[in-house]
Amino acid sequence: MKKSVRLYISGTVQGVFFRAFVKENAERYNVKGFTRNLEDGRVEVFLEGDVNDVNKMIELCKKGPRHAQIKNVQIKPERFQGFKAFKVLHI
């Protein structure tokens, strides 16, 4: 079964290789979508793929890379969009 979610992650999440961490793990778990920094200091992550793999990614995003300090993770269910890869976007 497939699952799509959008995460908004706040805390110390910019400048700590958060997006690279998400991309590396998304590729490991065959999850597609994107991640990008937002102007308000949060990171947005769109994940879609197998339910178990997306759930693993959500848990990884709640922890983040070593220097990240996660304060809040807002999770919104989304409609499946059929992404072909996982990308780091730049505003």
PDB file of N, CA and C in Angstrom:
ATOM      1  N   MET A   1       0.834  -1.185   0.000  1.00  0.00           N
ATOM      2  CA  MET A   1       0.000   0.000   0.000  1.00  0.00           C
ATOM      3  C   MET A   1       0.879   1.250   0.000  1.00  0.00           C
ATOM      4  N   LYS A   2       0.422   2.269  -0.676  1.00  0.00           N
ATOM      5  CA  LYS A   2       1.204   3.507  -0.806  1.00  0.00           C
ATOM      6  C   LYS A   2       0.748   4.545   0.209  1.00  0.00           C
ATOM      7  N   LYS A   3       1.655   5.455   0.537  1.00  0.00           N
ATOM      8  CA  LYS A   3       1.369   6.523   1.494  1.00  0.00           C
ATOM      9  C   LYS A   3       2.097   7.781   1.054  1.00  0.00           C
ATOM     10  N   SER A   4       1.432   8.941   1.226  1.00  0.00           N
ATOM     11  CA  SER A   4       2.051  10.238   0.949  1.00  0.00           C
ATOM     12  C   SER A   4       1.812  11.163   2.124  1.00  0.00           C
ATOM     13  N   VAL A   5       2.855  11.845   2.563  1.00  0.00           N
ATOM     14  CA  VAL A   5       2.730  12.814   3.655  1.00  0.00           C
ATOM     15  C   VAL A   5       3.625  14.009   3.383  1.00  0.00           C
ATOM     16  N   ARG A   6       3.242  15.135   3.984  1.00  0.00           N
ATOM     17  CA  ARG A   6       4.068  16.344   3.954  1.00  0.00           C
ATOM     18  C   ARG A   6       4.419  16.649   5.409  1.00  0.00           C
ATOM     19  N   LEU A   7       5.708  16.875   5.655  1.00  0.00           N
ATOM     20  CA  LEU A   7       6.191  17.197   6.996  1.00  0.00           C
ATOM     21  C   LEU A   7       6.704  18.627   7.019  1.00  0.00           C
ATOM     22  N   TYR A   8       6.411  19.313   8.102  1.00  0.00           N
ATOM     23  CA  TYR A   8       7.009  20.621   8.374  1.00  0.00           C
ATOM     24  C   TYR A   8       7.792  20.454   9.668  1.00  0.00           C
ATOM     25  N   ILE A   9       9.106  20.612   9.581  1.00  0.00           N
ATOM     26  CA  ILE A   9       9.992  20.323  10.699  1.00  0.00           C
ATOM     27  C   ILE A   9      10.616  21.621  11.183  1.00  0.00           C
ATOM     28  N   SER A  10      10.457  21.885  12.484  1.00  0.00           N
ATOM     29  CA  SER A  10      11.021  23.114  13.043  1.00  0.00           C
ATOM     30  C   SER A  10      12.039  22.778  14.119  1.00  0.00           C
ATOM     31  N   GLY A  11      12.884  23.749  14.408  1.00  0.00           N
ATOM     32  CA  GLY A  11      13.975  23.597  15.358  1.00  0.00           C
ATOM     33  C   GLY A  11      15.259  24.047  14.678  1.00  0.00           C
ATOM     34  N   THR A  12      16.383  23.464  15.084  1.00  0.00           N
ATOM     35  CA  THR A  12      17.654  23.731  14.413  1.00  0.00           C
ATOM     36  C   THR A  12      17.756  22.718  13.280  1.00  0.00           C
ATOM     37  N   VAL A  13      17.217  23.102  12.109  1.00  0.00           N
ATOM     38  CA  VAL A  13      17.135  22.164  10.994  1.00  0.00           C
ATOM     39  C   VAL A  13      17.744  22.712   9.706  1.00  0.00           C
ATOM     40  N   GLN A  14      18.161  23.959   9.708  1.00  0.00           N
ATOM     41  CA  GLN A  14      18.834  24.517   8.530  1.00  0.00           C
ATOM     42  C   GLN A  14      20.304  24.717   8.882  1.00  0.00           C
ATOM     43  N   GLY A  15      21.169  24.411   7.911  1.00  0.00           N
ATOM     44  CA  GLY A  15      22.608  24.552   8.143  1.00  0.00           C
ATOM     45  C   GLY A  15      23.233  23.382   8.884  1.00  0.00           C
ATOM     46  N   VAL A  16      22.498  22.257   9.005  1.00  0.00           N
ATOM     47  CA  VAL A  16      23.016  21.081   9.707  1.00  0.00           C
ATOM     48  C   VAL A  16      22.929  19.834   8.820  1.00  0.00           C
ATOM     49  N   PHE A  17      22.887  20.037   7.511  1.00  0.00           N
ATOM     50  CA  PHE A  17      22.827  18.954   6.521  1.00  0.00           C
ATOM     51  C   PHE A  17      21.547  18.129   6.632  1.00  0.00           C
ATOM     52  N   PHE A  18      20.457  18.769   7.092  1.00  0.00           N
ATOM     53  CA  PHE A  18      19.186  18.061   7.257  1.00  0.00           C
ATOM     54  C   PHE A  18      18.659  17.550   5.920  1.00  0.00           C
ATOM     55  N   ARG A  19      18.676  18.402   4.901  1.00  0.00           N
ATOM     56  CA  ARG A  19      18.132  17.993   3.602  1.00  0.00           C
ATOM     57  C   ARG A  19      18.951  16.853   2.993  1.00  0.00           C
ATOM     58  N   ALA A  20      20.268  16.905   3.108  1.00  0.00           N
ATOM     59  CA  ALA A  20      21.113  15.825   2.595  1.00  0.00           C
ATOM     60  C   ALA A  20      20.839  14.521   3.348  1.00  0.00           C
ATOM     61  N   PHE A  21      20.635  14.625   4.659  1.00  0.00           N
ATOM     62  CA  PHE A  21      20.288  13.473   5.493  1.00  0.00           C
ATOM     63  C   PHE A  21      18.982  12.847   5.025  1.00  0.00           C
ATOM     64  N   VAL A  22      17.981  13.678   4.760  1.00  0.00           N
ATOM     65  CA  VAL A  22      16.681  13.176   4.308  1.00  0.00           C
ATOM     66  C   VAL A  22      16.815  12.513   2.937  1.00  0.00           C
ATOM     67  N   LYS A  23      17.528  13.163   2.018  1.00  0.00           N
ATOM     68  CA  LYS A  23      17.699  12.603   0.661  1.00  0.00           C
ATOM     69  C   LYS A  23      18.415  11.255   0.711  1.00  0.00           C
ATOM     70  N   GLU A  24      19.487  11.168   1.469  1.00  0.00           N
ATOM     71  CA  GLU A  24      20.257   9.921   1.570  1.00  0.00           C
ATOM     72  C   GLU A  24      19.370   8.782   2.087  1.00  0.00           C
ATOM     73  N   ASN A  25      18.590   9.047   3.127  1.00  0.00           N
ATOM     74  CA  ASN A  25      17.733   8.011   3.691  1.00  0.00           C
ATOM     75  C   ASN A  25      16.543   7.699   2.795  1.00  0.00           C
ATOM     76  N   ALA A  26      15.996   8.695   2.111  1.00  0.00           N
ATOM     77  CA  ALA A  26      14.892   8.446   1.181  1.00  0.00           C
ATOM     78  C   ALA A  26      15.354   7.504   0.065  1.00  0.00           C
ATOM     79  N   GLU A  27      16.557   7.719  -0.428  1.00  0.00           N
ATOM     80  CA  GLU A  27      17.079   6.841  -1.473  1.00  0.00           C
ATOM     81  C   GLU A  27      17.318   5.430  -0.920  1.00  0.00           C
ATOM     82  N   ARG A  28      17.761   5.329   0.318  1.00  0.00           N
ATOM     83  CA  ARG A  28      17.979   4.028   0.960  1.00  0.00           C
ATOM     84  C   ARG A  28      16.669   3.253   1.073  1.00  0.00           C
ATOM     85  N   TYR A  29      15.577   3.952   1.391  1.00  0.00           N
ATOM     86  CA  TYR A  29      14.279   3.296   1.593  1.00  0.00           C
ATOM     87  C   TYR A  29      13.369   3.364   0.371  1.00  0.00           C
ATOM     88  N   ASN A  30      13.887   3.820  -0.765  1.00  0.00           N
ATOM     89  CA  ASN A  30      13.126   3.903  -2.013  1.00  0.00           C
ATOM     90  C   ASN A  30      11.871   4.776  -1.863  1.00  0.00           C
ATOM     91  N   VAL A  31      12.021   5.875  -1.130  1.00  0.00           N
ATOM     92  CA  VAL A  31      10.935   6.841  -0.953  1.00  0.00           C
ATOM     93  C   VAL A  31      11.182   8.012  -1.904  1.00  0.00           C
ATOM     94  N   LYS A  32      10.140   8.486  -2.540  1.00  0.00           N
ATOM     95  CA  LYS A  32      10.244   9.584  -3.509  1.00  0.00           C
ATOM     96  C   LYS A  32       9.667  10.861  -2.902  1.00  0.00           C
ATOM     97  N   GLY A  33       9.934  11.998  -3.559  1.00  0.00           N
ATOM     98  CA  GLY A  33       9.399  13.278  -3.103  1.00  0.00           C
ATOM     99  C   GLY A  33      10.449  14.363  -3.159  1.00  0.00           C
ATOM    100  N   PHE A  34      10.415  15.246  -2.149  1.00  0.00           N
ATOM    101  CA  PHE A  34      11.376  16.353  -2.126  1.00  0.00           C
ATOM    102  C   PHE A  34      11.526  16.898  -0.717  1.00  0.00           C
ATOM    103  N   THR A  35      12.575  17.683  -0.535  1.00  0.00           N
ATOM    104  CA  THR A  35      12.782  18.440   0.696  1.00  0.00           C
ATOM    105  C   THR A  35      13.302  19.815   0.321  1.00  0.00           C
ATOM    106  N   ARG A  36      12.970  20.807   1.134  1.00  0.00           N
ATOM    107  CA  ARG A  36      13.473  22.168   0.893  1.00  0.00           C
ATOM    108  C   ARG A  36      13.406  22.976   2.181  1.00  0.00           C
ATOM    109  N   ASN A  37      14.301  23.964   2.262  1.00  0.00           N
ATOM    110  CA  ASN A  37      14.260  24.924   3.358  1.00  0.00           C
ATOM    111  C   ASN A  37      13.140  25.919   3.089  1.00  0.00           C
ATOM    112  N   LEU A  38      12.462  26.343   4.139  1.00  0.00           N
ATOM    113  CA  LEU A  38      11.450  27.386   4.024  1.00  0.00           C
ATOM    114  C   LEU A  38      12.006  28.678   4.600  1.00  0.00           C
ATOM    115  N   GLU A  39      11.467  29.797   4.154  1.00  0.00           N
ATOM    116  CA  GLU A  39      11.981  31.101   4.589  1.00  0.00           C
ATOM    117  C   GLU A  39      11.808  31.338   6.082  1.00  0.00           C
ATOM    118  N   ASP A  40      10.847  30.656   6.721  1.00  0.00           N
ATOM    119  CA  ASP A  40      10.610  30.852   8.158  1.00  0.00           C
ATOM    120  C   ASP A  40      11.521  29.994   9.039  1.00  0.00           C
ATOM    121  N   GLY A  41      12.490  29.294   8.418  1.00  0.00           N
ATOM    122  CA  GLY A  41      13.456  28.511   9.194  1.00  0.00           C
ATOM    123  C   GLY A  41      13.103  27.039   9.313  1.00  0.00           C
ATOM    124  N   ARG A  42      11.921  26.639   8.856  1.00  0.00           N
ATOM    125  CA  ARG A  42      11.542  25.221   8.896  1.00  0.00           C
ATOM    126  C   ARG A  42      12.057  24.511   7.650  1.00  0.00           C
ATOM    127  N   VAL A  43      12.001  23.185   7.689  1.00  0.00           N
ATOM    128  CA  VAL A  43      12.269  22.360   6.519  1.00  0.00           C
ATOM    129  C   VAL A  43      10.973  21.652   6.158  1.00  0.00           C
ATOM    130  N   GLU A  44      10.646  21.659   4.866  1.00  0.00           N
ATOM    131  CA  GLU A  44       9.481  20.942   4.360  1.00  0.00           C
ATOM    132  C   GLU A  44       9.977  19.662   3.696  1.00  0.00           C
ATOM    133  N   VAL A  45       9.283  18.550   3.970  1.00  0.00           N
ATOM    134  CA  VAL A  45       9.631  17.261   3.374  1.00  0.00           C
ATOM    135  C   VAL A  45       8.354  16.625   2.851  1.00  0.00           C
ATOM    136  N   PHE A  46       8.354  16.247   1.567  1.00  0.00           N
ATOM    137  CA  PHE A  46       7.225  15.513   0.983  1.00  0.00           C
ATOM    138  C   PHE A  46       7.722  14.100   0.723  1.00  0.00           C
ATOM    139  N   LEU A  47       7.033  13.115   1.303  1.00  0.00           N
ATOM    140  CA  LEU A  47       7.441  11.720   1.190  1.00  0.00           C
ATOM    141  C   LEU A  47       6.316  10.900   0.584  1.00  0.00           C
ATOM    142  N   GLU A  48       6.653  10.015  -0.355  1.00  0.00           N
ATOM    143  CA  GLU A  48       5.659   9.062  -0.828  1.00  0.00           C
ATOM    144  C   GLU A  48       6.341   7.754  -1.208  1.00  0.00           C
ATOM    145  N   GLY A  49       5.623   6.667  -0.946  1.00  0.00           N
ATOM    146  CA  GLY A  49       6.154   5.345  -1.238  1.00  0.00           C
ATOM    147  C   GLY A  49       5.379   4.310  -0.453  1.00  0.00           C
ATOM    148  N   ASP A  50       6.003   3.145  -0.249  1.00  0.00           N
ATOM    149  CA  ASP A  50       5.394   2.079   0.529  1.00  0.00           C
ATOM    150  C   ASP A  50       5.155   2.566   1.962  1.00  0.00           C
ATOM    151  N   VAL A  51       4.014   2.178   2.537  1.00  0.00           N
ATOM    152  CA  VAL A  51       3.625   2.644   3.881  1.00  0.00           C
ATOM    153  C   VAL A  51       4.751   2.438   4.897  1.00  0.00           C
ATOM    154  N   ASN A  52       5.340   1.251   4.949  1.00  0.00           N
ATOM    155  CA  ASN A  52       6.380   0.969   5.944  1.00  0.00           C
ATOM    156  C   ASN A  52       7.609   1.843   5.730  1.00  0.00           C
ATOM    157  N   ASP A  53       7.985   2.066   4.477  1.00  0.00           N
ATOM    158  CA  ASP A  53       9.160   2.889   4.180  1.00  0.00           C
ATOM    159  C   ASP A  53       8.912   4.350   4.526  1.00  0.00           C
ATOM    160  N   VAL A  54       7.726   4.856   4.212  1.00  0.00           N
ATOM    161  CA  VAL A  54       7.393   6.246   4.560  1.00  0.00           C
ATOM    162  C   VAL A  54       7.374   6.402   6.079  1.00  0.00           C
ATOM    163  N   ASN A  55       6.821   5.425   6.789  1.00  0.00           N
ATOM    164  CA  ASN A  55       6.803   5.495   8.258  1.00  0.00           C
ATOM    165  C   ASN A  55       8.210   5.505   8.839  1.00  0.00           C
ATOM    166  N   LYS A  56       9.131   4.726   8.249  1.00  0.00           N
ATOM    167  CA  LYS A  56      10.535   4.745   8.691  1.00  0.00           C
ATOM    168  C   LYS A  56      11.135   6.129   8.475  1.00  0.00           C
ATOM    169  N   MET A  57      10.830   6.743   7.332  1.00  0.00           N
ATOM    170  CA  MET A  57      11.343   8.082   7.032  1.00  0.00           C
ATOM    171  C   MET A  57      10.798   9.122   8.015  1.00  0.00           C
ATOM    172  N   ILE A  58       9.528   9.008   8.376  1.00  0.00           N
ATOM    173  CA  ILE A  58       8.945   9.942   9.346  1.00  0.00           C
ATOM    174  C   ILE A  58       9.714   9.855  10.665  1.00  0.00           C
ATOM    175  N   GLU A  59      10.002   8.645  11.111  1.00  0.00           N
ATOM    176  CA  GLU A  59      10.743   8.468  12.368  1.00  0.00           C
ATOM    177  C   GLU A  59      12.150   9.051  12.256  1.00  0.00           C
ATOM    178  N   LEU A  60      12.811   8.854  11.108  1.00  0.00           N
ATOM    179  CA  LEU A  60      14.149   9.435  10.906  1.00  0.00           C
ATOM    180  C   LEU A  60      14.091  10.960  10.921  1.00  0.00           C
ATOM    181  N   CYS A  61      13.045  11.537  10.318  1.00  0.00           N
ATOM    182  CA  CYS A  61      12.908  12.999  10.295  1.00  0.00           C
ATOM    183  C   CYS A  61      12.660  13.560  11.686  1.00  0.00           C
ATOM    184  N   LYS A  62      12.061  12.777  12.555  1.00  0.00           N
ATOM    185  CA  LYS A  62      11.830  13.223  13.936  1.00  0.00           C
ATOM    186  C   LYS A  62      13.135  13.283  14.728  1.00  0.00           C
ATOM    187  N   LYS A  63      14.137  12.512  14.288  1.00  0.00           N
ATOM    188  CA  LYS A  63      15.445  12.503  14.955  1.00  0.00           C
ATOM    189  C   LYS A  63      16.414  13.464  14.266  1.00  0.00           C
ATOM    190  N   GLY A  64      16.475  13.396  12.926  1.00  0.00           N
ATOM    191  CA  GLY A  64      17.361  14.274  12.169  1.00  0.00           C
ATOM    192  C   GLY A  64      18.810  13.843  12.249  1.00  0.00           C
ATOM    193  N   PRO A  65      19.691  14.568  11.541  1.00  0.00           N
ATOM    194  CA  PRO A  65      21.128  14.283  11.610  1.00  0.00           C
ATOM    195  C   PRO A  65      21.689  14.730  12.960  1.00  0.00           C
ATOM    196  N   ARG A  66      22.934  14.440  13.188  1.00  0.00           N
ATOM    197  CA  ARG A  66      23.563  14.619  14.495  1.00  0.00           C
ATOM    198  C   ARG A  66      23.407  16.019  15.094  1.00  0.00           C
ATOM    199  N   HIS A  67      23.573  17.075  14.318  1.00  0.00           N
ATOM    200  CA  HIS A  67      23.568  18.428  14.883  1.00  0.00           C
ATOM    201  C   HIS A  67      22.196  19.096  14.867  1.00  0.00           C
ATOM    202  N   ALA A  68      21.207  18.413  14.337  1.00  0.00           N
ATOM    203  CA  ALA A  68      19.852  18.985  14.310  1.00  0.00           C
ATOM    204  C   ALA A  68      19.220  18.888  15.690  1.00  0.00           C
ATOM    205  N   GLN A  69      18.373  19.868  15.996  1.00  0.00           N
ATOM    206  CA  GLN A  69      17.581  19.840  17.222  1.00  0.00           C
ATOM    207  C   GLN A  69      16.124  20.022  16.804  1.00  0.00           C
ATOM    208  N   ILE A  70      15.381  18.926  16.777  1.00  0.00           N
ATOM    209  CA  ILE A  70      14.003  18.946  16.305  1.00  0.00           C
ATOM    210  C   ILE A  70      13.100  19.409  17.438  1.00  0.00           C
ATOM    211  N   LYS A  71      12.342  20.485  17.183  1.00  0.00           N
ATOM    212  CA  LYS A  71      11.390  20.974  18.176  1.00  0.00           C
ATOM    213  C   LYS A  71       9.981  20.474  17.879  1.00  0.00           C
ATOM    214  N   ASN A  72       9.611  20.419  16.593  1.00  0.00           N
ATOM    215  CA  ASN A  72       8.253  20.014  16.228  1.00  0.00           C
ATOM    216  C   ASN A  72       8.241  19.424  14.823  1.00  0.00           C
ATOM    217  N   VAL A  73       7.431  18.391  14.625  1.00  0.00           N
ATOM    218  CA  VAL A  73       7.208  17.809  13.296  1.00  0.00           C
ATOM    219  C   VAL A  73       5.700  17.778  13.066  1.00  0.00           C
ATOM    220  N   GLN A  74       5.260  18.585  12.120  1.00  0.00           N
ATOM    221  CA  GLN A  74       3.845  18.614  11.744  1.00  0.00           C
ATOM    222  C   GLN A  74       3.680  17.687  10.546  1.00  0.00           C
ATOM    223  N   ILE A  75       2.738  16.748  10.629  1.00  0.00           N
ATOM    224  CA  ILE A  75       2.538  15.744   9.575  1.00  0.00           C
ATOM    225  C   ILE A  75       1.156  15.924   8.970  1.00  0.00           C
ATOM    226  N   LYS A  76       1.117  16.072   7.645  1.00  0.00           N
ATOM    227  CA  LYS A  76      -0.155  16.219   6.931  1.00  0.00           C
ATOM    228  C   LYS A  76      -0.263  15.134   5.871  1.00  0.00           C
ATOM    229  N   PRO A  77      -1.358  14.360   5.867  1.00  0.00           N
ATOM    230  CA  PRO A  77      -1.544  13.384   4.785  1.00  0.00           C
ATOM    231  C   PRO A  77      -1.723  14.105   3.456  1.00  0.00           C
ATOM    232  N   GLU A  78      -1.228  13.515   2.390  1.00  0.00           N
ATOM    233  CA  GLU A  78      -1.307  14.119   1.064  1.00  0.00           C
ATOM    234  C   GLU A  78      -1.811  13.097   0.050  1.00  0.00           C
ATOM    235  N   ARG A  79      -2.242  13.581  -1.094  1.00  0.00           N
ATOM    236  CA  ARG A  79      -2.638  12.737  -2.210  1.00  0.00           C
ATOM    237  C   ARG A  79      -1.368  12.235  -2.900  1.00  0.00           C
ATOM    238  N   PHE A  80      -1.354  10.960  -3.284  1.00  0.00           N
ATOM    239  CA  PHE A  80      -0.196  10.370  -3.963  1.00  0.00           C
ATOM    240  C   PHE A  80       0.034  11.080  -5.298  1.00  0.00           C
ATOM    241  N   GLN A  81       1.276  11.491  -5.564  1.00  0.00           N
ATOM    242  CA  GLN A  81       1.564  12.291  -6.753  1.00  0.00           C
ATOM    243  C   GLN A  81       2.421  11.583  -7.798  1.00  0.00           C
ATOM    244  N   GLY A  82       3.002  10.455  -7.460  1.00  0.00           N
ATOM    245  CA  GLY A  82       3.777   9.701  -8.438  1.00  0.00           C
ATOM    246  C   GLY A  82       5.147  10.272  -8.762  1.00  0.00           C
ATOM    247  N   PHE A  83       5.842  10.818  -7.764  1.00  0.00           N
ATOM    248  CA  PHE A  83       7.206  11.308  -7.989  1.00  0.00           C
ATOM    249  C   PHE A  83       8.093  10.159  -8.465  1.00  0.00           C
ATOM    250  N   LYS A  84       9.076  10.475  -9.287  1.00  0.00           N
ATOM    251  CA  LYS A  84       9.984   9.464  -9.839  1.00  0.00           C
ATOM    252  C   LYS A  84      11.323   9.399  -9.099  1.00  0.00           C
ATOM    253  N   ALA A  85      11.606  10.404  -8.276  1.00  0.00           N
ATOM    254  CA  ALA A  85      12.895  10.468  -7.563  1.00  0.00           C
ATOM    255  C   ALA A  85      12.689  11.285  -6.297  1.00  0.00           C
ATOM    256  N   PHE A  86      13.754  11.398  -5.504  1.00  0.00           N
ATOM    257  CA  PHE A  86      13.729  12.279  -4.329  1.00  0.00           C
ATOM    258  C   PHE A  86      14.711  13.407  -4.612  1.00  0.00           C
ATOM    259  N   LYS A  87      14.246  14.637  -4.475  1.00  0.00           N
ATOM    260  CA  LYS A  87      15.079  15.796  -4.821  1.00  0.00           C
ATOM    261  C   LYS A  87      15.180  16.788  -3.674  1.00  0.00           C
ATOM    262  N   VAL A  88      16.313  17.486  -3.634  1.00  0.00           N
ATOM    263  CA  VAL A  88      16.493  18.636  -2.754  1.00  0.00           C
ATOM    264  C   VAL A  88      16.185  19.863  -3.591  1.00  0.00           C
ATOM    265  N   LEU A  89      15.170  20.608  -3.190  1.00  0.00           N
ATOM    266  CA  LEU A  89      14.768  21.812  -3.920  1.00  0.00           C
ATOM    267  C   LEU A  89      15.356  23.045  -3.255  1.00  0.00           C
ATOM    268  N   HIS A  90      15.572  24.080  -4.050  1.00  0.00           N
ATOM    269  CA  HIS A  90      16.092  25.345  -3.541  1.00  0.00           C
ATOM    270  C   HIS A  90      15.105  26.439  -3.908  1.00  0.00           C
ATOM    271  N   ILE A  91      14.744  27.257  -2.927  1.00  0.00           N
ATOM    272  CA  ILE A  91      13.766  28.327  -3.175  1.00  0.00           C
ATOM    273  C   ILE A  91      14.413  29.403  -4.012  1.00  0.00           C
TER     274      ILE A  91
END
